[in-house]
Amino acid sequence: MSNLVEKWKAFCEWQRRPSRIPQMTEEHHRCCTCGQEYQGSYCPCCGQSARIGRYSFKNALLLFLDVWKHGKNWARI
């Protein structure tokens, strides 16, 4: 029962935190997906993040697992 109470407290704390939006970078990038040159964190044409390289099945799988808190275990694929 105490495990459920801890999870409830963690959930309530998660709800109270404001969403954290990363700051836009001043660096210039070339999108790995569409080739567009841009300044900032995301490509204005396709929305690809500057942190992620070319979008692949592996990246999609790792992002999916990271959402469910299992991504760190699969980082060495």
N, C-alpha and C. Protein backbone atom coordinates (compact mmCIF):
# COMPACT_ATOMS: atom_id res chain seq x y z
N MET A 1 0.82 -1.19 0.00
CA MET A 1 0.00 0.00 0.00
C MET A 1 0.87 1.26 0.00
N SER A 2 2.01 1.20 0.69
CA SER A 2 2.88 2.38 0.73
C SER A 2 3.46 2.70 -0.65
N ASN A 3 3.65 1.66 -1.49
CA ASN A 3 4.14 1.87 -2.85
C ASN A 3 3.13 2.68 -3.65
N LEU A 4 1.85 2.42 -3.47
CA LEU A 4 0.80 3.16 -4.14
C LEU A 4 0.76 4.61 -3.68
N VAL A 5 0.96 4.83 -2.39
CA VAL A 5 0.98 6.19 -1.84
C VAL A 5 2.17 6.97 -2.41
N GLU A 6 3.33 6.33 -2.52
CA GLU A 6 4.51 6.98 -3.09
C GLU A 6 4.28 7.35 -4.55
N LYS A 7 3.67 6.44 -5.29
CA LYS A 7 3.38 6.72 -6.70
C LYS A 7 2.39 7.88 -6.82
N TRP A 8 1.40 7.92 -5.95
CA TRP A 8 0.42 9.01 -5.98
C TRP A 8 1.09 10.35 -5.69
N LYS A 9 1.98 10.38 -4.70
CA LYS A 9 2.70 11.61 -4.37
C LYS A 9 3.59 12.05 -5.53
N ALA A 10 4.27 11.11 -6.16
CA ALA A 10 5.12 11.43 -7.31
C ALA A 10 4.27 11.98 -8.46
N PHE A 11 3.09 11.40 -8.66
CA PHE A 11 2.20 11.88 -9.72
C PHE A 11 1.72 13.29 -9.44
N CYS A 12 1.34 13.56 -8.19
CA CYS A 12 0.88 14.91 -7.82
C CYS A 12 1.99 15.93 -7.98
N GLU A 13 3.21 15.56 -7.62
CA GLU A 13 4.35 16.47 -7.79
C GLU A 13 4.61 16.73 -9.28
N TRP A 14 4.49 15.70 -10.09
CA TRP A 14 4.67 15.84 -11.53
C TRP A 14 3.64 16.81 -12.12
N GLN A 15 2.41 16.78 -11.61
CA GLN A 15 1.38 17.68 -12.10
C GLN A 15 1.64 19.13 -11.70
N ARG A 16 2.26 19.36 -10.57
CA ARG A 16 2.51 20.72 -10.09
C ARG A 16 3.66 21.40 -10.82
N ARG A 17 4.60 20.63 -11.36
CA ARG A 17 5.74 21.22 -12.05
C ARG A 17 5.26 21.87 -13.35
N PRO A 18 5.71 23.08 -13.62
CA PRO A 18 5.36 23.68 -14.90
C PRO A 18 6.08 22.96 -16.04
N SER A 19 5.50 23.01 -17.21
CA SER A 19 6.16 22.36 -18.34
C SER A 19 7.45 23.10 -18.64
N ARG A 20 8.43 22.35 -18.98
CA ARG A 20 9.75 22.94 -19.24
C ARG A 20 10.01 22.90 -20.74
N ILE A 21 10.08 24.07 -21.34
CA ILE A 21 10.33 24.19 -22.76
C ILE A 21 11.80 24.53 -22.94
N PRO A 22 12.52 23.74 -23.74
CA PRO A 22 13.94 24.04 -23.91
C PRO A 22 14.14 25.36 -24.66
N GLN A 23 15.20 26.06 -24.30
CA GLN A 23 15.53 27.32 -24.95
C GLN A 23 15.95 27.08 -26.40
N MET A 24 15.62 28.03 -27.26
CA MET A 24 16.04 27.94 -28.65
C MET A 24 17.54 28.20 -28.73
N THR A 25 18.23 27.43 -29.54
CA THR A 25 19.67 27.61 -29.69
C THR A 25 19.95 28.64 -30.77
N GLU A 26 21.12 29.24 -30.70
CA GLU A 26 21.55 30.21 -31.70
C GLU A 26 22.41 29.54 -32.78
N GLU A 27 22.61 28.24 -32.65
CA GLU A 27 23.46 27.51 -33.59
C GLU A 27 22.74 27.32 -34.92
N HIS A 28 23.52 27.24 -35.99
CA HIS A 28 22.98 26.95 -37.31
C HIS A 28 23.10 25.45 -37.55
N HIS A 29 22.04 24.86 -38.09
CA HIS A 29 22.00 23.42 -38.33
C HIS A 29 21.57 23.15 -39.76
N ARG A 30 21.86 21.94 -40.22
CA ARG A 30 21.32 21.43 -41.47
C ARG A 30 20.52 20.20 -41.11
N CYS A 31 19.24 20.19 -41.49
CA CYS A 31 18.35 19.09 -41.15
C CYS A 31 18.81 17.81 -41.83
N CYS A 32 18.90 16.73 -41.06
CA CYS A 32 19.31 15.43 -41.61
C CYS A 32 18.21 14.79 -42.44
N THR A 33 16.97 15.20 -42.23
CA THR A 33 15.85 14.60 -42.93
C THR A 33 15.59 15.28 -44.27
N CYS A 34 15.45 16.63 -44.27
CA CYS A 34 15.07 17.33 -45.50
C CYS A 34 16.18 18.21 -46.08
N GLY A 35 17.27 18.44 -45.35
CA GLY A 35 18.38 19.22 -45.86
C GLY A 35 18.25 20.72 -45.69
N GLN A 36 17.20 21.20 -45.07
CA GLN A 36 16.97 22.63 -44.86
C GLN A 36 17.98 23.18 -43.85
N GLU A 37 18.56 24.35 -44.13
CA GLU A 37 19.42 25.02 -43.16
C GLU A 37 18.56 25.92 -42.30
N TYR A 38 18.79 25.90 -40.98
CA TYR A 38 17.96 26.67 -40.07
C TYR A 38 18.75 27.02 -38.81
N GLN A 39 18.19 27.95 -38.05
CA GLN A 39 18.74 28.36 -36.77
C GLN A 39 17.70 28.07 -35.71
N GLY A 40 18.08 27.37 -34.67
CA GLY A 40 17.13 27.03 -33.61
C GLY A 40 17.23 25.57 -33.23
N SER A 41 16.19 25.08 -32.57
CA SER A 41 16.21 23.71 -32.07
C SER A 41 15.46 22.73 -32.96
N TYR A 42 14.58 23.23 -33.84
CA TYR A 42 13.76 22.37 -34.69
C TYR A 42 13.74 22.89 -36.11
N CYS A 43 13.69 21.99 -37.07
CA CYS A 43 13.62 22.35 -38.48
C CYS A 43 12.25 22.97 -38.77
N PRO A 44 12.20 24.14 -39.43
CA PRO A 44 10.91 24.77 -39.72
C PRO A 44 10.12 24.04 -40.81
N CYS A 45 10.78 23.23 -41.62
CA CYS A 45 10.07 22.53 -42.70
C CYS A 45 9.43 21.22 -42.24
N CYS A 46 10.21 20.39 -41.54
CA CYS A 46 9.69 19.06 -41.19
C CYS A 46 9.53 18.85 -39.70
N GLY A 47 10.07 19.76 -38.85
CA GLY A 47 9.91 19.63 -37.41
C GLY A 47 10.91 18.73 -36.74
N GLN A 48 11.91 18.25 -37.47
CA GLN A 48 12.93 17.37 -36.90
C GLN A 48 13.76 18.12 -35.86
N SER A 49 14.00 17.49 -34.72
CA SER A 49 14.81 18.10 -33.66
C SER A 49 16.27 18.15 -34.09
N ALA A 50 16.96 19.20 -33.66
CA ALA A 50 18.39 19.32 -33.98
C ALA A 50 19.21 18.31 -33.19
N ARG A 51 18.69 17.84 -32.06
CA ARG A 51 19.43 16.88 -31.23
C ARG A 51 19.47 15.50 -31.85
N ILE A 52 18.49 15.16 -32.65
CA ILE A 52 18.39 13.83 -33.23
C ILE A 52 18.91 13.86 -34.65
N GLY A 53 19.67 12.85 -35.00
CA GLY A 53 20.17 12.76 -36.36
C GLY A 53 19.06 12.33 -37.31
N ARG A 54 19.43 11.69 -38.38
CA ARG A 54 18.45 11.24 -39.36
C ARG A 54 17.44 10.32 -38.68
N TYR A 55 16.18 10.52 -38.97
CA TYR A 55 15.12 9.73 -38.34
C TYR A 55 15.15 8.31 -38.88
N SER A 56 15.22 7.35 -37.99
CA SER A 56 15.30 5.95 -38.39
C SER A 56 14.41 5.13 -37.46
N PHE A 57 14.27 3.87 -37.78
CA PHE A 57 13.48 2.97 -36.95
C PHE A 57 14.11 2.86 -35.56
N LYS A 58 15.43 2.83 -35.50
CA LYS A 58 16.14 2.75 -34.22
C LYS A 58 15.83 3.97 -33.36
N ASN A 59 15.90 5.17 -33.94
CA ASN A 59 15.58 6.38 -33.17
C ASN A 59 14.13 6.37 -32.72
N ALA A 60 13.22 5.93 -33.58
CA ALA A 60 11.81 5.88 -33.20
C ALA A 60 11.60 4.91 -32.04
N LEU A 61 12.25 3.76 -32.10
CA LEU A 61 12.14 2.78 -31.02
C LEU A 61 12.70 3.33 -29.71
N LEU A 62 13.87 3.98 -29.78
CA LEU A 62 14.46 4.53 -28.57
C LEU A 62 13.61 5.64 -27.98
N LEU A 63 13.04 6.50 -28.83
CA LEU A 63 12.16 7.55 -28.33
C LEU A 63 10.90 6.96 -27.70
N PHE A 64 10.35 5.92 -28.31
CA PHE A 64 9.17 5.26 -27.77
C PHE A 64 9.47 4.66 -26.40
N LEU A 65 10.60 3.98 -26.28
CA LEU A 65 10.97 3.36 -25.01
C LEU A 65 11.29 4.42 -23.96
N ASP A 66 11.86 5.55 -24.38
CA ASP A 66 12.18 6.61 -23.44
C ASP A 66 10.91 7.22 -22.84
N VAL A 67 9.85 7.29 -23.64
CA VAL A 67 8.58 7.81 -23.13
C VAL A 67 8.06 6.93 -22.00
N TRP A 68 8.26 5.64 -22.12
CA TRP A 68 7.77 4.69 -21.11
C TRP A 68 8.83 4.37 -20.08
N LYS A 69 9.87 5.20 -19.98
CA LYS A 69 10.93 5.10 -18.96
C LYS A 69 11.78 3.83 -19.08
N HIS A 70 11.88 3.29 -20.30
CA HIS A 70 12.73 2.13 -20.51
C HIS A 70 13.85 2.43 -21.49
N GLY A 71 13.95 3.66 -21.97
CA GLY A 71 14.91 4.03 -23.00
C GLY A 71 16.36 3.95 -22.54
N LYS A 72 16.62 4.23 -21.29
CA LYS A 72 18.00 4.21 -20.82
C LYS A 72 18.59 2.82 -20.86
N ASN A 73 17.76 1.81 -20.72
CA ASN A 73 18.25 0.44 -20.76
C ASN A 73 18.61 0.00 -22.17
N TRP A 74 18.04 0.68 -23.18
CA TRP A 74 18.25 0.28 -24.57
C TRP A 74 19.20 1.23 -25.30
N ALA A 75 19.90 2.09 -24.58
CA ALA A 75 20.72 3.11 -25.21
C ALA A 75 21.91 2.53 -25.97
N ARG A 76 22.28 1.31 -25.70
CA ARG A 76 23.47 0.71 -26.35
C ARG A 76 23.11 -0.23 -27.48
N ILE A 77 21.95 -0.05 -28.09
CA ILE A 77 21.56 -0.94 -29.21
C ILE A 77 22.48 -0.72 -30.37
